[in-house]
Amino acid sequence: MWCVIWNRDGKYKMFTNILFESEKQAIEFKNKQTQFRKKHDARAVKYNSKYFLGIDEKEILEQTSSN
């Protein structure tokens, strides 16, 4: 399962509660959103419930390096 997160107020949070079956679907959704600009730093990532409350960049890097 994949989701789209974005950086708001220094924390990465879920942009929407929609979950995607593949990374490709999540990226396509992200690319269609007009709200995203480079400053928002939106990403397609594997789903983790921590994203509802928000996590920092360091936690994202730790998760991706452990996979």
N, C-alpha and C. Protein backbone atom coordinates (compact mmCIF):
# COMPACT_ATOMS: atom_id res chain seq x y z
N MET A 1 0.84 -1.17 0.00
CA MET A 1 0.00 0.00 0.00
C MET A 1 0.89 1.24 0.00
N TRP A 2 0.49 2.20 -0.76
CA TRP A 2 1.24 3.44 -0.92
C TRP A 2 0.35 4.63 -0.60
N CYS A 3 0.96 5.74 -0.21
CA CYS A 3 0.21 6.96 0.06
C CYS A 3 1.04 8.16 -0.40
N VAL A 4 0.40 9.32 -0.38
CA VAL A 4 1.08 10.57 -0.75
C VAL A 4 1.21 11.42 0.51
N ILE A 5 2.43 11.84 0.79
CA ILE A 5 2.67 12.71 1.93
C ILE A 5 3.25 14.03 1.42
N TRP A 6 3.13 15.06 2.24
CA TRP A 6 3.74 16.34 1.89
C TRP A 6 4.23 17.03 3.14
N ASN A 7 5.16 17.94 2.93
CA ASN A 7 5.80 18.64 4.04
C ASN A 7 4.97 19.88 4.37
N ARG A 8 4.41 19.87 5.57
CA ARG A 8 3.67 21.03 6.08
C ARG A 8 4.22 21.36 7.45
N ASP A 9 4.67 22.56 7.62
CA ASP A 9 5.17 23.03 8.91
C ASP A 9 6.30 22.16 9.45
N GLY A 10 7.17 21.68 8.55
CA GLY A 10 8.33 20.92 8.96
C GLY A 10 8.09 19.45 9.23
N LYS A 11 6.86 18.97 9.04
CA LYS A 11 6.52 17.56 9.25
C LYS A 11 5.90 17.01 7.97
N TYR A 12 6.20 15.76 7.68
CA TYR A 12 5.57 15.09 6.54
C TYR A 12 4.28 14.44 7.02
N LYS A 13 3.18 14.83 6.38
CA LYS A 13 1.85 14.34 6.76
C LYS A 13 1.14 13.82 5.52
N MET A 14 0.15 12.98 5.76
CA MET A 14 -0.62 12.46 4.63
C MET A 14 -1.39 13.60 3.97
N PHE A 15 -1.34 13.62 2.65
CA PHE A 15 -2.06 14.64 1.90
C PHE A 15 -3.54 14.27 1.80
N THR A 16 -3.82 13.01 1.65
CA THR A 16 -5.18 12.52 1.54
C THR A 16 -5.28 11.15 2.21
N ASN A 17 -6.48 10.72 2.52
CA ASN A 17 -6.62 9.40 3.14
C ASN A 17 -6.75 8.29 2.11
N ILE A 18 -6.52 8.58 0.86
CA ILE A 18 -6.57 7.57 -0.19
C ILE A 18 -5.28 6.76 -0.17
N LEU A 19 -5.43 5.42 -0.20
CA LEU A 19 -4.28 4.53 -0.29
C LEU A 19 -4.25 3.91 -1.68
N PHE A 20 -3.07 3.68 -2.20
CA PHE A 20 -2.89 3.19 -3.55
C PHE A 20 -2.24 1.81 -3.53
N GLU A 21 -2.56 1.00 -4.52
CA GLU A 21 -2.00 -0.34 -4.61
C GLU A 21 -0.55 -0.35 -5.07
N SER A 22 -0.16 0.67 -5.82
CA SER A 22 1.20 0.69 -6.34
C SER A 22 1.81 2.09 -6.22
N GLU A 23 3.12 2.10 -6.28
CA GLU A 23 3.84 3.37 -6.25
C GLU A 23 3.47 4.20 -7.47
N LYS A 24 3.32 3.56 -8.61
CA LYS A 24 2.97 4.25 -9.86
C LYS A 24 1.65 5.00 -9.72
N GLN A 25 0.63 4.37 -9.12
CA GLN A 25 -0.66 5.03 -8.92
C GLN A 25 -0.53 6.23 -7.99
N ALA A 26 0.26 6.09 -6.93
CA ALA A 26 0.45 7.19 -5.99
C ALA A 26 1.16 8.37 -6.66
N ILE A 27 2.15 8.08 -7.48
CA ILE A 27 2.88 9.14 -8.18
C ILE A 27 1.98 9.83 -9.19
N GLU A 28 1.18 9.07 -9.90
CA GLU A 28 0.24 9.67 -10.87
C GLU A 28 -0.74 10.59 -10.16
N PHE A 29 -1.26 10.18 -9.01
CA PHE A 29 -2.16 11.02 -8.24
C PHE A 29 -1.46 12.30 -7.81
N LYS A 30 -0.25 12.15 -7.28
CA LYS A 30 0.52 13.31 -6.81
C LYS A 30 0.76 14.30 -7.94
N ASN A 31 1.10 13.78 -9.11
CA ASN A 31 1.42 14.66 -10.24
C ASN A 31 0.19 15.40 -10.77
N LYS A 32 -0.99 14.89 -10.52
CA LYS A 32 -2.23 15.55 -10.97
C LYS A 32 -2.68 16.67 -10.04
N GLN A 33 -2.15 16.71 -8.83
CA GLN A 33 -2.59 17.69 -7.84
C GLN A 33 -1.96 19.05 -8.11
N THR A 34 -2.81 20.05 -8.28
CA THR A 34 -2.31 21.40 -8.57
C THR A 34 -1.82 22.12 -7.32
N GLN A 35 -2.16 21.61 -6.13
CA GLN A 35 -1.74 22.28 -4.90
C GLN A 35 -0.25 22.13 -4.65
N PHE A 36 0.36 21.11 -5.24
CA PHE A 36 1.76 20.85 -4.96
C PHE A 36 2.66 21.74 -5.79
N ARG A 37 3.58 22.34 -5.11
CA ARG A 37 4.66 23.08 -5.74
C ARG A 37 5.95 22.51 -5.20
N LYS A 38 7.04 22.92 -5.75
CA LYS A 38 8.33 22.39 -5.28
C LYS A 38 8.52 22.63 -3.79
N LYS A 39 8.02 23.73 -3.27
CA LYS A 39 8.22 24.03 -1.85
C LYS A 39 7.46 23.06 -0.94
N HIS A 40 6.44 22.37 -1.47
CA HIS A 40 5.67 21.43 -0.64
C HIS A 40 6.36 20.09 -0.46
N ASP A 41 7.24 19.72 -1.34
CA ASP A 41 7.99 18.46 -1.24
C ASP A 41 7.05 17.28 -1.01
N ALA A 42 6.19 17.02 -1.98
CA ALA A 42 5.27 15.88 -1.91
C ALA A 42 5.99 14.62 -2.38
N ARG A 43 5.65 13.48 -1.74
CA ARG A 43 6.30 12.21 -2.06
C ARG A 43 5.28 11.08 -2.04
N ALA A 44 5.54 10.08 -2.86
CA ALA A 44 4.79 8.82 -2.80
C ALA A 44 5.64 7.84 -2.00
N VAL A 45 5.08 7.33 -0.91
CA VAL A 45 5.83 6.44 -0.02
C VAL A 45 4.96 5.26 0.40
N LYS A 46 5.61 4.20 0.90
CA LYS A 46 4.84 3.09 1.46
C LYS A 46 4.08 3.58 2.68
N TYR A 47 2.84 3.13 2.79
CA TYR A 47 1.96 3.59 3.86
C TYR A 47 2.50 3.23 5.25
N ASN A 48 2.36 4.19 6.16
CA ASN A 48 2.66 4.00 7.56
C ASN A 48 1.69 4.89 8.35
N SER A 49 1.05 4.35 9.36
CA SER A 49 0.06 5.13 10.11
C SER A 49 0.65 6.36 10.79
N LYS A 50 1.96 6.40 10.96
CA LYS A 50 2.62 7.56 11.58
C LYS A 50 2.41 8.84 10.77
N TYR A 51 2.13 8.70 9.48
CA TYR A 51 1.99 9.87 8.63
C TYR A 51 0.78 10.72 8.98
N PHE A 52 -0.22 10.16 9.68
CA PHE A 52 -1.38 10.96 10.07
C PHE A 52 -0.99 12.06 11.03
N LEU A 53 -0.12 11.76 11.97
CA LEU A 53 0.32 12.77 12.93
C LEU A 53 1.50 13.59 12.42
N GLY A 54 2.25 13.02 11.49
CA GLY A 54 3.39 13.72 10.92
C GLY A 54 4.70 13.20 11.47
N ILE A 55 5.68 13.08 10.59
CA ILE A 55 7.02 12.67 10.99
C ILE A 55 8.03 13.58 10.29
N ASP A 56 9.26 13.57 10.77
CA ASP A 56 10.27 14.42 10.17
C ASP A 56 11.08 13.66 9.11
N GLU A 57 11.90 14.37 8.40
CA GLU A 57 12.71 13.82 7.31
C GLU A 57 13.59 12.65 7.77
N LYS A 58 14.15 12.77 8.95
CA LYS A 58 15.04 11.73 9.48
C LYS A 58 14.31 10.39 9.59
N GLU A 59 13.06 10.42 10.07
CA GLU A 59 12.29 9.18 10.20
C GLU A 59 11.98 8.55 8.85
N ILE A 60 11.73 9.37 7.85
CA ILE A 60 11.47 8.84 6.51
C ILE A 60 12.72 8.15 5.98
N LEU A 61 13.86 8.77 6.15
CA LEU A 61 15.11 8.19 5.67
C LEU A 61 15.41 6.87 6.39
N GLU A 62 15.12 6.79 7.68
CA GLU A 62 15.34 5.56 8.43
C GLU A 62 14.44 4.44 7.93
N GLN A 63 13.21 4.76 7.59
CA GLN A 63 12.27 3.76 7.10
C GLN A 63 12.68 3.23 5.73
N THR A 64 13.12 4.12 4.85
CA THR A 64 13.49 3.69 3.52
C THR A 64 14.80 2.91 3.52
N SER A 65 15.69 3.22 4.42
CA SER A 65 16.96 2.49 4.47
C SER A 65 16.80 1.11 5.09
N SER A 66 15.78 0.90 5.91
CA SER A 66 15.57 -0.41 6.53
C SER A 66 14.85 -1.38 5.61
N ASN A 67 14.28 -0.91 4.51
CA ASN A 67 13.57 -1.80 3.57
C ASN A 67 14.48 -2.47 2.62
